[in-house]
Amino acid sequence: MAHSAGTSVHLIADIADAHGLDDLALIEVTLREAAEAARVRVLDVRLHHFGAGMGVTGVALLAESHISIHTWPEDGLAAVDLFVCGETADPEAGLETIRQRLRGTVRERHTIRRLRVPGATPFP
């Protein structure tokens, strides 16, 4: 399915006081559930664990762009970004799913409207 570039939204957030940040299986499930909540389609999930007690980097490759996470279990922190497109995509729902799964608190959140098309109706 093709999506207009003008519907692209990049939501980046830091999650604090999070749990399970060194659990590779949990991070994979979290990325897949976040994609489902955001109403986007997962093409692949790639993960890398940096070793016992260390963090995880994960990317869900989407038909509508990507969701990524980088974790620091020693600090209880996760950096998340959800870059999606499509009229029905809901990155906020994806972020909320990640927050709930990791039992953390969103500390920072920034939403960037990307790839705007000149002359198109602006985002609300």
PDB file of N, CA and C in Angstrom:
ATOM      1  N   MET A   1       0.844  -1.171   0.000  1.00  0.00           N
ATOM      2  CA  MET A   1       0.000   0.000   0.000  1.00  0.00           C
ATOM      3  C   MET A   1       0.889   1.234   0.000  1.00  0.00           C
ATOM      4  N   ALA A   2       0.631   2.155  -0.877  1.00  0.00           N
ATOM      5  CA  ALA A   2       1.402   3.390  -0.941  1.00  0.00           C
ATOM      6  C   ALA A   2       0.773   4.435  -0.019  1.00  0.00           C
ATOM      7  N   HIS A   3       1.635   5.187   0.644  1.00  0.00           N
ATOM      8  CA  HIS A   3       1.168   6.246   1.531  1.00  0.00           C
ATOM      9  C   HIS A   3       1.780   7.546   1.066  1.00  0.00           C
ATOM     10  N   SER A   4       1.025   8.598   1.190  1.00  0.00           N
ATOM     11  CA  SER A   4       1.518   9.918   0.846  1.00  0.00           C
ATOM     12  C   SER A   4       2.623  10.333   1.802  1.00  0.00           C
ATOM     13  N   ALA A   5       3.717  10.862   1.247  1.00  0.00           N
ATOM     14  CA  ALA A   5       4.810  11.340   2.096  1.00  0.00           C
ATOM     15  C   ALA A   5       4.326  12.426   3.045  1.00  0.00           C
ATOM     16  N   GLY A   6       3.339  13.191   2.628  1.00  0.00           N
ATOM     17  CA  GLY A   6       2.826  14.287   3.439  1.00  0.00           C
ATOM     18  C   GLY A   6       2.120  13.853   4.706  1.00  0.00           C
ATOM     19  N   THR A   7       1.899  12.556   4.875  1.00  0.00           N
ATOM     20  CA  THR A   7       1.263  12.061   6.103  1.00  0.00           C
ATOM     21  C   THR A   7       2.283  11.593   7.130  1.00  0.00           C
ATOM     22  N   SER A   8       3.559  11.845   6.879  1.00  0.00           N
ATOM     23  CA  SER A   8       4.627  11.321   7.742  1.00  0.00           C
ATOM     24  C   SER A   8       4.728  12.070   9.071  1.00  0.00           C
ATOM     25  N   VAL A   9       4.860  11.302  10.121  1.00  0.00           N
ATOM     26  CA  VAL A   9       5.017  11.838  11.474  1.00  0.00           C
ATOM     27  C   VAL A   9       6.170  11.104  12.135  1.00  0.00           C
ATOM     28  N   HIS A  10       7.048  11.859  12.776  1.00  0.00           N
ATOM     29  CA  HIS A  10       8.171  11.284  13.505  1.00  0.00           C
ATOM     30  C   HIS A  10       7.991  11.661  14.972  1.00  0.00           C
ATOM     31  N   LEU A  11       7.689  10.688  15.776  1.00  0.00           N
ATOM     32  CA  LEU A  11       7.502  10.892  17.214  1.00  0.00           C
ATOM     33  C   LEU A  11       8.704  10.302  17.925  1.00  0.00           C
ATOM     34  N   ILE A  12       9.422  11.136  18.662  1.00  0.00           N
ATOM     35  CA  ILE A  12      10.573  10.660  19.425  1.00  0.00           C
ATOM     36  C   ILE A  12      10.301  10.896  20.904  1.00  0.00           C
ATOM     37  N   ALA A  13      10.742   9.956  21.727  1.00  0.00           N
ATOM     38  CA  ALA A  13      10.455  10.065  23.158  1.00  0.00           C
ATOM     39  C   ALA A  13      11.528   9.353  23.963  1.00  0.00           C
ATOM     40  N   ASP A  14      11.708   9.831  25.186  1.00  0.00           N
ATOM     41  CA  ASP A  14      12.551   9.165  26.169  1.00  0.00           C
ATOM     42  C   ASP A  14      11.633   8.619  27.254  1.00  0.00           C
ATOM     43  N   ILE A  15      11.840   7.356  27.599  1.00  0.00           N
ATOM     44  CA  ILE A  15      11.052   6.720  28.646  1.00  0.00           C
ATOM     45  C   ILE A  15      11.976   6.454  29.828  1.00  0.00           C
ATOM     46  N   ALA A  16      11.576   6.941  30.999  1.00  0.00           N
ATOM     47  CA  ALA A  16      12.372   6.791  32.218  1.00  0.00           C
ATOM     48  C   ALA A  16      11.723   5.790  33.162  1.00  0.00           C
ATOM     49  N   ASP A  17      12.515   5.313  34.120  1.00  0.00           N
ATOM     50  CA  ASP A  17      12.043   4.373  35.141  1.00  0.00           C
ATOM     51  C   ASP A  17      11.436   3.123  34.512  1.00  0.00           C
ATOM     52  N   ALA A  18      12.009   2.706  33.401  1.00  0.00           N
ATOM     53  CA  ALA A  18      11.490   1.560  32.657  1.00  0.00           C
ATOM     54  C   ALA A  18      12.108   0.256  33.156  1.00  0.00           C
ATOM     55  N   HIS A  19      11.426  -0.846  32.868  1.00  0.00           N
ATOM     56  CA  HIS A  19      11.845  -2.178  33.313  1.00  0.00           C
ATOM     57  C   HIS A  19      11.978  -3.117  32.109  1.00  0.00           C
ATOM     58  N   GLY A  20      12.791  -4.149  32.282  1.00  0.00           N
ATOM     59  CA  GLY A  20      12.945  -5.160  31.240  1.00  0.00           C
ATOM     60  C   GLY A  20      13.781  -4.697  30.060  1.00  0.00           C
ATOM     61  N   LEU A  21      14.604  -3.689  30.272  1.00  0.00           N
ATOM     62  CA  LEU A  21      15.333  -3.071  29.168  1.00  0.00           C
ATOM     63  C   LEU A  21      16.486  -3.920  28.640  1.00  0.00           C
ATOM     64  N   ASP A  22      16.828  -4.992  29.351  1.00  0.00           N
ATOM     65  CA  ASP A  22      17.861  -5.914  28.855  1.00  0.00           C
ATOM     66  C   ASP A  22      17.258  -7.245  28.399  1.00  0.00           C
ATOM     67  N   ASP A  23      15.938  -7.287  28.293  1.00  0.00           N
ATOM     68  CA  ASP A  23      15.211  -8.504  27.940  1.00  0.00           C
ATOM     69  C   ASP A  23      14.883  -8.468  26.440  1.00  0.00           C
ATOM     70  N   LEU A  24      15.677  -9.188  25.672  1.00  0.00           N
ATOM     71  CA  LEU A  24      15.536  -9.160  24.211  1.00  0.00           C
ATOM     72  C   LEU A  24      14.135  -9.576  23.756  1.00  0.00           C
ATOM     73  N   ALA A  25      13.599 -10.648  24.372  1.00  0.00           N
ATOM     74  CA  ALA A  25      12.262 -11.124  23.981  1.00  0.00           C
ATOM     75  C   ALA A  25      11.199 -10.066  24.269  1.00  0.00           C
ATOM     76  N   LEU A  26      11.314  -9.418  25.423  1.00  0.00           N
ATOM     77  CA  LEU A  26      10.347  -8.368  25.771  1.00  0.00           C
ATOM     78  C   LEU A  26      10.434  -7.207  24.785  1.00  0.00           C
ATOM     79  N   ILE A  27      11.625  -6.820  24.420  1.00  0.00           N
ATOM     80  CA  ILE A  27      11.775  -5.700  23.479  1.00  0.00           C
ATOM     81  C   ILE A  27      11.174  -6.065  22.128  1.00  0.00           C
ATOM     82  N   GLU A  28      11.370  -7.295  21.674  1.00  0.00           N
ATOM     83  CA  GLU A  28      10.774  -7.682  20.388  1.00  0.00           C
ATOM     84  C   GLU A  28       9.251  -7.641  20.454  1.00  0.00           C
ATOM     85  N   VAL A  29       8.687  -8.229  21.499  1.00  0.00           N
ATOM     86  CA  VAL A  29       7.222  -8.207  21.646  1.00  0.00           C
ATOM     87  C   VAL A  29       6.725  -6.766  21.731  1.00  0.00           C
ATOM     88  N   THR A  30       7.452  -5.937  22.449  1.00  0.00           N
ATOM     89  CA  THR A  30       7.058  -4.534  22.605  1.00  0.00           C
ATOM     90  C   THR A  30       7.030  -3.823  21.259  1.00  0.00           C
ATOM     91  N   LEU A  31       8.053  -4.033  20.441  1.00  0.00           N
ATOM     92  CA  LEU A  31       8.077  -3.386  19.118  1.00  0.00           C
ATOM     93  C   LEU A  31       6.920  -3.875  18.255  1.00  0.00           C
ATOM     94  N   ARG A  32       6.663  -5.173  18.281  1.00  0.00           N
ATOM     95  CA  ARG A  32       5.566  -5.718  17.456  1.00  0.00           C
ATOM     96  C   ARG A  32       4.208  -5.202  17.937  1.00  0.00           C
ATOM     97  N   GLU A  33       4.003  -5.162  19.238  1.00  0.00           N
ATOM     98  CA  GLU A  33       2.731  -4.656  19.763  1.00  0.00           C
ATOM     99  C   GLU A  33       2.581  -3.156  19.526  1.00  0.00           C
ATOM    100  N   ALA A  34       3.673  -2.418  19.591  1.00  0.00           N
ATOM    101  CA  ALA A  34       3.614  -0.977  19.307  1.00  0.00           C
ATOM    102  C   ALA A  34       3.199  -0.742  17.859  1.00  0.00           C
ATOM    103  N   ALA A  35       3.725  -1.559  16.954  1.00  0.00           N
ATOM    104  CA  ALA A  35       3.339  -1.426  15.541  1.00  0.00           C
ATOM    105  C   ALA A  35       1.860  -1.715  15.355  1.00  0.00           C
ATOM    106  N   GLU A  36       1.387  -2.746  16.003  1.00  0.00           N
ATOM    107  CA  GLU A  36      -0.038  -3.082  15.899  1.00  0.00           C
ATOM    108  C   GLU A  36      -0.893  -1.932  16.435  1.00  0.00           C
ATOM    109  N   ALA A  37      -0.522  -1.395  17.586  1.00  0.00           N
ATOM    110  CA  ALA A  37      -1.272  -0.274  18.171  1.00  0.00           C
ATOM    111  C   ALA A  37      -1.233   0.949  17.268  1.00  0.00           C
ATOM    112  N   ALA A  38      -0.090   1.154  16.601  1.00  0.00           N
ATOM    113  CA  ALA A  38       0.064   2.314  15.713  1.00  0.00           C
ATOM    114  C   ALA A  38      -0.605   2.101  14.347  1.00  0.00           C
ATOM    115  N   ARG A  39      -1.144   0.904  14.147  1.00  0.00           N
ATOM    116  CA  ARG A  39      -1.835   0.540  12.894  1.00  0.00           C
ATOM    117  C   ARG A  39      -0.902   0.628  11.682  1.00  0.00           C
ATOM    118  N   VAL A  40       0.292   0.038  11.877  1.00  0.00           N
ATOM    119  CA  VAL A  40       1.261  -0.069  10.789  1.00  0.00           C
ATOM    120  C   VAL A  40       1.699  -1.532  10.680  1.00  0.00           C
ATOM    121  N   ARG A  41       2.313  -1.892   9.539  1.00  0.00           N
ATOM    122  CA  ARG A  41       2.631  -3.292   9.265  1.00  0.00           C
ATOM    123  C   ARG A  41       4.137  -3.562   9.402  1.00  0.00           C
ATOM    124  N   VAL A  42       4.469  -4.558  10.232  1.00  0.00           N
ATOM    125  CA  VAL A  42       5.864  -4.949  10.446  1.00  0.00           C
ATOM    126  C   VAL A  42       6.342  -5.810   9.285  1.00  0.00           C
ATOM    127  N   LEU A  43       7.483  -5.431   8.710  1.00  0.00           N
ATOM    128  CA  LEU A  43       8.134  -6.234   7.678  1.00  0.00           C
ATOM    129  C   LEU A  43       9.202  -7.127   8.284  1.00  0.00           C
ATOM    130  N   ASP A  44       9.896  -6.608   9.310  1.00  0.00           N
ATOM    131  CA  ASP A  44      10.971  -7.356   9.964  1.00  0.00           C
ATOM    132  C   ASP A  44      11.304  -6.667  11.287  1.00  0.00           C
ATOM    133  N   VAL A  45      11.869  -7.431  12.205  1.00  0.00           N
ATOM    134  CA  VAL A  45      12.377  -6.871  13.465  1.00  0.00           C
ATOM    135  C   VAL A  45      13.811  -7.338  13.617  1.00  0.00           C
ATOM    136  N   ARG A  46      14.703  -6.408  13.871  1.00  0.00           N
ATOM    137  CA  ARG A  46      16.122  -6.719  14.103  1.00  0.00           C
ATOM    138  C   ARG A  46      16.501  -6.185  15.474  1.00  0.00           C
ATOM    139  N   LEU A  47      17.230  -7.030  16.225  1.00  0.00           N
ATOM    140  CA  LEU A  47      17.605  -6.661  17.589  1.00  0.00           C
ATOM    141  C   LEU A  47      19.070  -6.969  17.814  1.00  0.00           C
ATOM    142  N   HIS A  48      19.683  -6.191  18.676  1.00  0.00           N
ATOM    143  CA  HIS A  48      21.053  -6.470  19.100  1.00  0.00           C
ATOM    144  C   HIS A  48      21.142  -6.259  20.602  1.00  0.00           C
ATOM    145  N   HIS A  49      21.649  -7.272  21.307  1.00  0.00           N
ATOM    146  CA  HIS A  49      21.847  -7.183  22.754  1.00  0.00           C
ATOM    147  C   HIS A  49      23.341  -6.936  22.998  1.00  0.00           C
ATOM    148  N   PHE A  50      23.661  -5.985  23.855  1.00  0.00           N
ATOM    149  CA  PHE A  50      25.060  -5.611  24.072  1.00  0.00           C
ATOM    150  C   PHE A  50      25.735  -6.420  25.175  1.00  0.00           C
ATOM    151  N   GLY A  51      25.031  -7.448  25.708  1.00  0.00           N
ATOM    152  CA  GLY A  51      25.627  -8.317  26.716  1.00  0.00           C
ATOM    153  C   GLY A  51      24.879  -8.257  28.032  1.00  0.00           C
ATOM    154  N   ALA A  52      25.228  -9.183  28.931  1.00  0.00           N
ATOM    155  CA  ALA A  52      24.530  -9.297  30.214  1.00  0.00           C
ATOM    156  C   ALA A  52      24.487  -7.950  30.940  1.00  0.00           C
ATOM    157  N   GLY A  53      23.272  -7.559  31.334  1.00  0.00           N
ATOM    158  CA  GLY A  53      23.083  -6.311  32.062  1.00  0.00           C
ATOM    159  C   GLY A  53      23.181  -5.066  31.209  1.00  0.00           C
ATOM    160  N   MET A  54      23.433  -5.276  29.926  1.00  0.00           N
ATOM    161  CA  MET A  54      23.589  -4.118  29.026  1.00  0.00           C
ATOM    162  C   MET A  54      22.306  -3.912  28.237  1.00  0.00           C
ATOM    163  N   GLY A  55      22.285  -2.889  27.440  1.00  0.00           N
ATOM    164  CA  GLY A  55      21.093  -2.507  26.712  1.00  0.00           C
ATOM    165  C   GLY A  55      20.870  -3.259  25.421  1.00  0.00           C
ATOM    166  N   VAL A  56      19.798  -2.877  24.780  1.00  0.00           N
ATOM    167  CA  VAL A  56      19.349  -3.472  23.530  1.00  0.00           C
ATOM    168  C   VAL A  56      19.084  -2.348  22.537  1.00  0.00           C
ATOM    169  N   THR A  57      19.444  -2.598  21.289  1.00  0.00           N
ATOM    170  CA  THR A  57      19.012  -1.740  20.202  1.00  0.00           C
ATOM    171  C   THR A  57      18.107  -2.578  19.317  1.00  0.00           C
ATOM    172  N   GLY A  58      16.946  -2.037  18.993  1.00  0.00           N
ATOM    173  CA  GLY A  58      16.006  -2.774  18.166  1.00  0.00           C
ATOM    174  C   GLY A  58      15.333  -1.874  17.157  1.00  0.00           C
ATOM    175  N   VAL A  59      15.040  -2.459  16.008  1.00  0.00           N
ATOM    176  CA  VAL A  59      14.341  -1.731  14.951  1.00  0.00           C
ATOM    177  C   VAL A  59      13.261  -2.624  14.379  1.00  0.00           C
ATOM    178  N   ALA A  60      12.063  -2.095  14.324  1.00  0.00           N
ATOM    179  CA  ALA A  60      10.984  -2.744  13.585  1.00  0.00           C
ATOM    180  C   ALA A  60      10.902  -2.019  12.246  1.00  0.00           C
ATOM    181  N   LEU A  61      11.233  -2.742  11.202  1.00  0.00           N
ATOM    182  CA  LEU A  61      11.131  -2.190   9.844  1.00  0.00           C
ATOM    183  C   LEU A  61       9.671  -2.294   9.433  1.00  0.00           C
ATOM    184  N   LEU A  62       9.096  -1.180   9.048  1.00  0.00           N
ATOM    185  CA  LEU A  62       7.669  -1.132   8.738  1.00  0.00           C
ATOM    186  C   LEU A  62       7.434  -0.865   7.259  1.00  0.00           C
ATOM    187  N   ALA A  63       6.290  -1.249   6.797  1.00  0.00           N
ATOM    188  CA  ALA A  63       5.865  -0.844   5.461  1.00  0.00           C
ATOM    189  C   ALA A  63       5.689   0.674   5.431  1.00  0.00           C
ATOM    190  N   GLU A  64       5.510   1.259   6.618  1.00  0.00           N
ATOM    191  CA  GLU A  64       5.270   2.699   6.753  1.00  0.00           C
ATOM    192  C   GLU A  64       6.447   3.398   7.419  1.00  0.00           C
ATOM    193  N   SER A  65       7.654   2.874   7.374  1.00  0.00           N
ATOM    194  CA  SER A  65       8.901   3.444   7.901  1.00  0.00           C
ATOM    195  C   SER A  65       9.485   2.580   9.012  1.00  0.00           C
ATOM    196  N   HIS A  66       9.584   3.077  10.276  1.00  0.00           N
ATOM    197  CA  HIS A  66      10.236   2.268  11.304  1.00  0.00           C
ATOM    198  C   HIS A  66       9.833   2.676  12.717  1.00  0.00           C
ATOM    199  N   ILE A  67      10.064   1.759  13.649  1.00  0.00           N
ATOM    200  CA  ILE A  67      10.031   2.051  15.082  1.00  0.00           C
ATOM    201  C   ILE A  67      11.363   1.547  15.617  1.00  0.00           C
ATOM    202  N   SER A  68      12.052   2.387  16.390  1.00  0.00           N
ATOM    203  CA  SER A  68      13.320   1.940  16.953  1.00  0.00           C
ATOM    204  C   SER A  68      13.359   2.204  18.454  1.00  0.00           C
ATOM    205  N   ILE A  69      14.238   1.439  19.122  1.00  0.00           N
ATOM    206  CA  ILE A  69      14.426   1.620  20.557  1.00  0.00           C
ATOM    207  C   ILE A  69      15.889   1.361  20.893  1.00  0.00           C
ATOM    208  N   HIS A  70      16.415   2.154  21.805  1.00  0.00           N
ATOM    209  CA  HIS A  70      17.759   1.986  22.348  1.00  0.00           C
ATOM    210  C   HIS A  70      17.593   2.045  23.868  1.00  0.00           C
ATOM    211  N   THR A  71      18.130   1.051  24.578  1.00  0.00           N
ATOM    212  CA  THR A  71      17.879   0.988  26.020  1.00  0.00           C
ATOM    213  C   THR A  71      19.155   1.065  26.846  1.00  0.00           C
ATOM    214  N   TRP A  72      19.004   1.592  28.035  1.00  0.00           N
ATOM    215  CA  TRP A  72      20.074   1.687  29.041  1.00  0.00           C
ATOM    216  C   TRP A  72      19.492   1.151  30.351  1.00  0.00           C
ATOM    217  N   PRO A  73      19.547  -0.170  30.548  1.00  0.00           N
ATOM    218  CA  PRO A  73      18.939  -0.748  31.758  1.00  0.00           C
ATOM    219  C   PRO A  73      19.571  -0.222  33.041  1.00  0.00           C
ATOM    220  N   GLU A  74      20.856   0.096  33.009  1.00  0.00           N
ATOM    221  CA  GLU A  74      21.516   0.597  34.209  1.00  0.00           C
ATOM    222  C   GLU A  74      20.964   1.949  34.664  1.00  0.00           C
ATOM    223  N   ASP A  75      20.334   2.665  33.742  1.00  0.00           N
ATOM    224  CA  ASP A  75      19.729   3.959  34.063  1.00  0.00           C
ATOM    225  C   ASP A  75      18.209   3.931  33.983  1.00  0.00           C
ATOM    226  N   GLY A  76      17.642   2.809  33.586  1.00  0.00           N
ATOM    227  CA  GLY A  76      16.185   2.704  33.441  1.00  0.00           C
ATOM    228  C   GLY A  76      15.632   3.543  32.309  1.00  0.00           C
ATOM    229  N   LEU A  77      16.463   3.776  31.282  1.00  0.00           N
ATOM    230  CA  LEU A  77      16.065   4.675  30.198  1.00  0.00           C
ATOM    231  C   LEU A  77      15.932   3.957  28.855  1.00  0.00           C
ATOM    232  N   ALA A  78      14.997   4.440  28.062  1.00  0.00           N
ATOM    233  CA  ALA A  78      14.842   3.973  26.687  1.00  0.00           C
ATOM    234  C   ALA A  78      14.596   5.177  25.794  1.00  0.00           C
ATOM    235  N   ALA A  79      15.294   5.210  24.679  1.00  0.00           N
ATOM    236  CA  ALA A  79      15.062   6.237  23.652  1.00  0.00           C
ATOM    237  C   ALA A  79      14.299   5.556  22.525  1.00  0.00           C
ATOM    238  N   VAL A  80      13.169   6.130  22.173  1.00  0.00           N
ATOM    239  CA  VAL A  80      12.260   5.500  21.227  1.00  0.00           C
ATOM    240  C   VAL A  80      11.969   6.462  20.097  1.00  0.00           C
ATOM    241  N   ASP A  81      11.894   5.956  18.887  1.00  0.00           N
ATOM    242  CA  ASP A  81      11.323   6.793  17.850  1.00  0.00           C
ATOM    243  C   ASP A  81      10.416   5.978  16.949  1.00  0.00           C
ATOM    244  N   LEU A  82       9.324   6.612  16.616  1.00  0.00           N
ATOM    245  CA  LEU A  82       8.307   6.014  15.765  1.00  0.00           C
ATOM    246  C   LEU A  82       8.145   6.943  14.570  1.00  0.00           C
ATOM    247  N   PHE A  83       8.575   6.482  13.425  1.00  0.00           N
ATOM    248  CA  PHE A  83       8.450   7.272  12.192  1.00  0.00           C
ATOM    249  C   PHE A  83       7.478   6.512  11.315  1.00  0.00           C
ATOM    250  N   VAL A  84       6.298   7.094  11.121  1.00  0.00           N
ATOM    251  CA  VAL A  84       5.232   6.392  10.403  1.00  0.00           C
ATOM    252  C   VAL A  84       4.584   7.321   9.394  1.00  0.00           C
ATOM    253  N   CYS A  85       3.881   6.733   8.452  1.00  0.00           N
ATOM    254  CA  CYS A  85       3.100   7.513   7.503  1.00  0.00           C
ATOM    255  C   CYS A  85       1.805   6.774   7.236  1.00  0.00           C
ATOM    256  N   GLY A  86       0.867   7.496   6.660  1.00  0.00           N
ATOM    257  CA  GLY A  86      -0.438   6.916   6.364  1.00  0.00           C
ATOM    258  C   GLY A  86      -1.520   7.631   7.157  1.00  0.00           C
ATOM    259  N   GLU A  87      -2.678   7.772   6.531  1.00  0.00           N
ATOM    260  CA  GLU A  87      -3.786   8.495   7.159  1.00  0.00           C
ATOM    261  C   GLU A  87      -4.233   7.853   8.470  1.00  0.00           C
ATOM    262  N   THR A  88      -4.085   6.537   8.599  1.00  0.00           N
ATOM    263  CA  THR A  88      -4.586   5.855   9.789  1.00  0.00           C
ATOM    264  C   THR A  88      -3.502   5.551  10.813  1.00  0.00           C
ATOM    265  N   ALA A  89      -2.253   5.854  10.503  1.00  0.00           N
ATOM    266  CA  ALA A  89      -1.163   5.564  11.438  1.00  0.00           C
ATOM    267  C   ALA A  89      -1.325   6.391  12.716  1.00  0.00           C
ATOM    268  N   ASP A  90      -1.027   5.780  13.843  1.00  0.00           N
ATOM    269  CA  ASP A  90      -1.204   6.433  15.142  1.00  0.00           C
ATOM    270  C   ASP A  90       0.042   6.223  16.010  1.00  0.00           C
ATOM    271  N   PRO A  91       1.078   7.053  15.812  1.00  0.00           N
ATOM    272  CA  PRO A  91       2.304   6.860  16.582  1.00  0.00           C
ATOM    273  C   PRO A  91       2.109   7.047  18.085  1.00  0.00           C
ATOM    274  N   GLU A  92       1.162   7.876  18.496  1.00  0.00           N
ATOM    275  CA  GLU A  92       0.908   8.065  19.941  1.00  0.00           C
ATOM    276  C   GLU A  92       0.450   6.755  20.582  1.00  0.00           C
ATOM    277  N   ALA A  93      -0.392   6.014  19.878  1.00  0.00           N
ATOM    278  CA  ALA A  93      -0.845   4.719  20.412  1.00  0.00           C
ATOM    279  C   ALA A  93       0.333   3.751  20.501  1.00  0.00           C
ATOM    280  N   GLY A  94       1.234   3.807  19.538  1.00  0.00           N
ATOM    281  CA  GLY A  94       2.420   2.961  19.586  1.00  0.00           C
ATOM    282  C   GLY A  94       3.305   3.307  20.769  1.00  0.00           C
ATOM    283  N   LEU A  95       3.509   4.605  20.997  1.00  0.00           N
ATOM    284  CA  LEU A  95       4.326   5.032  22.138  1.00  0.00           C
ATOM    285  C   LEU A  95       3.693   4.602  23.453  1.00  0.00           C
ATOM    286  N   GLU A  96       2.396   4.751  23.567  1.00  0.00           N
ATOM    287  CA  GLU A  96       1.723   4.346  24.805  1.00  0.00           C
ATOM    288  C   GLU A  96       1.882   2.847  25.055  1.00  0.00           C
ATOM    289  N   THR A  97       1.837   2.062  24.004  1.00  0.00           N
ATOM    290  CA  THR A  97       2.049   0.614  24.150  1.00  0.00           C
ATOM    291  C   THR A  97       3.457   0.335  24.667  1.00  0.00           C
ATOM    292  N   ILE A  98       4.445   1.017  24.124  1.00  0.00           N
ATOM    293  CA  ILE A  98       5.830   0.826  24.587  1.00  0.00           C
ATOM    294  C   ILE A  98       5.950   1.236  26.055  1.00  0.00           C
ATOM    295  N   ARG A  99       5.384   2.369  26.392  1.00  0.00           N
ATOM    296  CA  ARG A  99       5.448   2.849  27.779  1.00  0.00           C
ATOM    297  C   ARG A  99       4.822   1.829  28.741  1.00  0.00           C
ATOM    298  N   GLN A 100       3.662   1.309  28.375  1.00  0.00           N
ATOM    299  CA  GLN A 100       2.994   0.340  29.246  1.00  0.00           C
ATOM    300  C   GLN A 100       3.803  -0.944  29.368  1.00  0.00           C
ATOM    301  N   ARG A 101       4.297  -1.458  28.241  1.00  0.00           N
ATOM    302  CA  ARG A 101       5.067  -2.712  28.256  1.00  0.00           C
ATOM    303  C   ARG A 101       6.325  -2.596  29.114  1.00  0.00           C
ATOM    304  N   LEU A 102       6.965  -1.428  29.083  1.00  0.00           N
ATOM    305  CA  LEU A 102       8.207  -1.225  29.831  1.00  0.00           C
ATOM    306  C   LEU A 102       7.952  -0.639  31.221  1.00  0.00           C
ATOM    307  N   ARG A 103       6.692  -0.382  31.519  1.00  0.00           N
ATOM    308  CA  ARG A 103       6.260   0.124  32.833  1.00  0.00           C
ATOM    309  C   ARG A 103       7.058   1.373  33.231  1.00  0.00           C
ATOM    310  N   GLY A 104       7.197   2.277  32.256  1.00  0.00           N
ATOM    311  CA  GLY A 104       7.959   3.492  32.513  1.00  0.00           C
ATOM    312  C   GLY A 104       7.104   4.746  32.382  1.00  0.00           C
ATOM    313  N   THR A 105       7.790   5.872  32.395  1.00  0.00           N
ATOM    314  CA  THR A 105       7.159   7.181  32.281  1.00  0.00           C
ATOM    315  C   THR A 105       7.792   7.934  31.115  1.00  0.00           C
ATOM    316  N   VAL A 106       6.963   8.542  30.283  1.00  0.00           N
ATOM    317  CA  VAL A 106       7.497   9.331  29.177  1.00  0.00           C
ATOM    318  C   VAL A 106       8.057  10.624  29.753  1.00  0.00           C
ATOM    319  N   ARG A 107       9.375  10.800  29.602  1.00  0.00           N
ATOM    320  CA  ARG A 107      10.051  11.978  30.146  1.00  0.00           C
ATOM    321  C   ARG A 107      10.103  13.101  29.112  1.00  0.00           C
ATOM    322  N   GLU A 108      10.399  12.765  27.888  1.00  0.00           N
ATOM    323  CA  GLU A 108      10.475  13.754  26.796  1.00  0.00           C
ATOM    324  C   GLU A 108       9.669  13.219  25.629  1.00  0.00           C
ATOM    325  N   ARG A 109       9.047  14.111  24.880  1.00  0.00           N
ATOM    326  CA  ARG A 109       8.278  13.703  23.705  1.00  0.00           C
ATOM    327  C   ARG A 109       8.294  14.860  22.709  1.00  0.00           C
ATOM    328  N   HIS A 110       8.623  14.552  21.474  1.00  0.00           N
ATOM    329  CA  HIS A 110       8.613  15.556  20.412  1.00  0.00           C
ATOM    330  C   HIS A 110       7.989  14.939  19.163  1.00  0.00           C
ATOM    331  N   THR A 111       7.070  15.660  18.579  1.00  0.00           N
ATOM    332  CA  THR A 111       6.427  15.200  17.352  1.00  0.00           C
ATOM    333  C   THR A 111       6.841  16.123  16.222  1.00  0.00           C
ATOM    334  N   ILE A 112       7.332  15.527  15.156  1.00  0.00           N
ATOM    335  CA  ILE A 112       7.800  16.281  14.007  1.00  0.00           C
ATOM    336  C   ILE A 112       6.978  15.845  12.795  1.00  0.00           C
ATOM    337  N   ARG A 113       6.291  16.775  12.171  1.00  0.00           N
ATOM    338  CA  ARG A 113       5.588  16.497  10.913  1.00  0.00           C
ATOM    339  C   ARG A 113       6.628  16.577   9.821  1.00  0.00           C
ATOM    340  N   ARG A 114       6.752  15.515   9.024  1.00  0.00           N
ATOM    341  CA  ARG A 114       7.831  15.460   8.045  1.00  0.00           C
ATOM    342  C   ARG A 114       7.284  15.332   6.633  1.00  0.00           C
ATOM    343  N   LEU A 115       8.133  15.715   5.697  1.00  0.00           N
ATOM    344  CA  LEU A 115       7.874  15.528   4.265  1.00  0.00           C
ATOM    345  C   LEU A 115       6.587  16.215   3.809  1.00  0.00           C
ATOM    346  N   ARG A 116       6.363  17.390   4.350  1.00  0.00           N
ATOM    347  CA  ARG A 116       5.172  18.133   3.957  1.00  0.00           C
ATOM    348  C   ARG A 116       5.214  18.440   2.468  1.00  0.00           C
ATOM    349  N   VAL A 117       4.067  18.394   1.870  1.00  0.00           N
ATOM    350  CA  VAL A 117       3.941  18.660   0.443  1.00  0.00           C
ATOM    351  C   VAL A 117       3.462  20.103   0.281  1.00  0.00           C
ATOM    352  N   PRO A 118       4.212  20.932  -0.489  1.00  0.00           N
ATOM    353  CA  PRO A 118       3.789  22.322  -0.677  1.00  0.00           C
ATOM    354  C   PRO A 118       2.368  22.392  -1.239  1.00  0.00           C
ATOM    355  N   GLY A 119       1.550  23.237  -0.629  1.00  0.00           N
ATOM    356  CA  GLY A 119       0.187  23.421  -1.092  1.00  0.00           C
ATOM    357  C   GLY A 119      -0.808  22.437  -0.514  1.00  0.00           C
ATOM    358  N   ALA A 120      -0.335  21.415   0.205  1.00  0.00           N
ATOM    359  CA  ALA A 120      -1.242  20.433   0.798  1.00  0.00           C
ATOM    360  C   ALA A 120      -1.862  21.006   2.063  1.00  0.00           C
ATOM    361  N   THR A 121      -2.961  20.449   2.457  1.00  0.00           N
ATOM    362  CA  THR A 121      -3.615  20.871   3.682  1.00  0.00           C
ATOM    363  C   THR A 121      -2.695  20.574   4.864  1.00  0.00           C
ATOM    364  N   PRO A 122      -2.432  21.559   5.719  1.00  0.00           N
ATOM    365  CA  PRO A 122      -1.531  21.319   6.851  1.00  0.00           C
ATOM    366  C   PRO A 122      -2.141  20.342   7.841  1.00  0.00           C
ATOM    367  N   PHE A 123      -1.263  19.727   8.621  1.00  0.00           N
ATOM    368  CA  PHE A 123      -1.722  18.820   9.663  1.00  0.00           C
ATOM    369  C   PHE A 123      -2.485  19.616  10.707  1.00  0.00           C
ATOM    370  N   PRO A 124      -3.418  18.965  11.350  1.00  0.00           N
ATOM    371  CA  PRO A 124      -4.150  19.672  12.418  1.00  0.00           C
ATOM    372  C   PRO A 124      -3.233  20.000  13.573  1.00  0.00           C
TER     373      PRO A 124
END
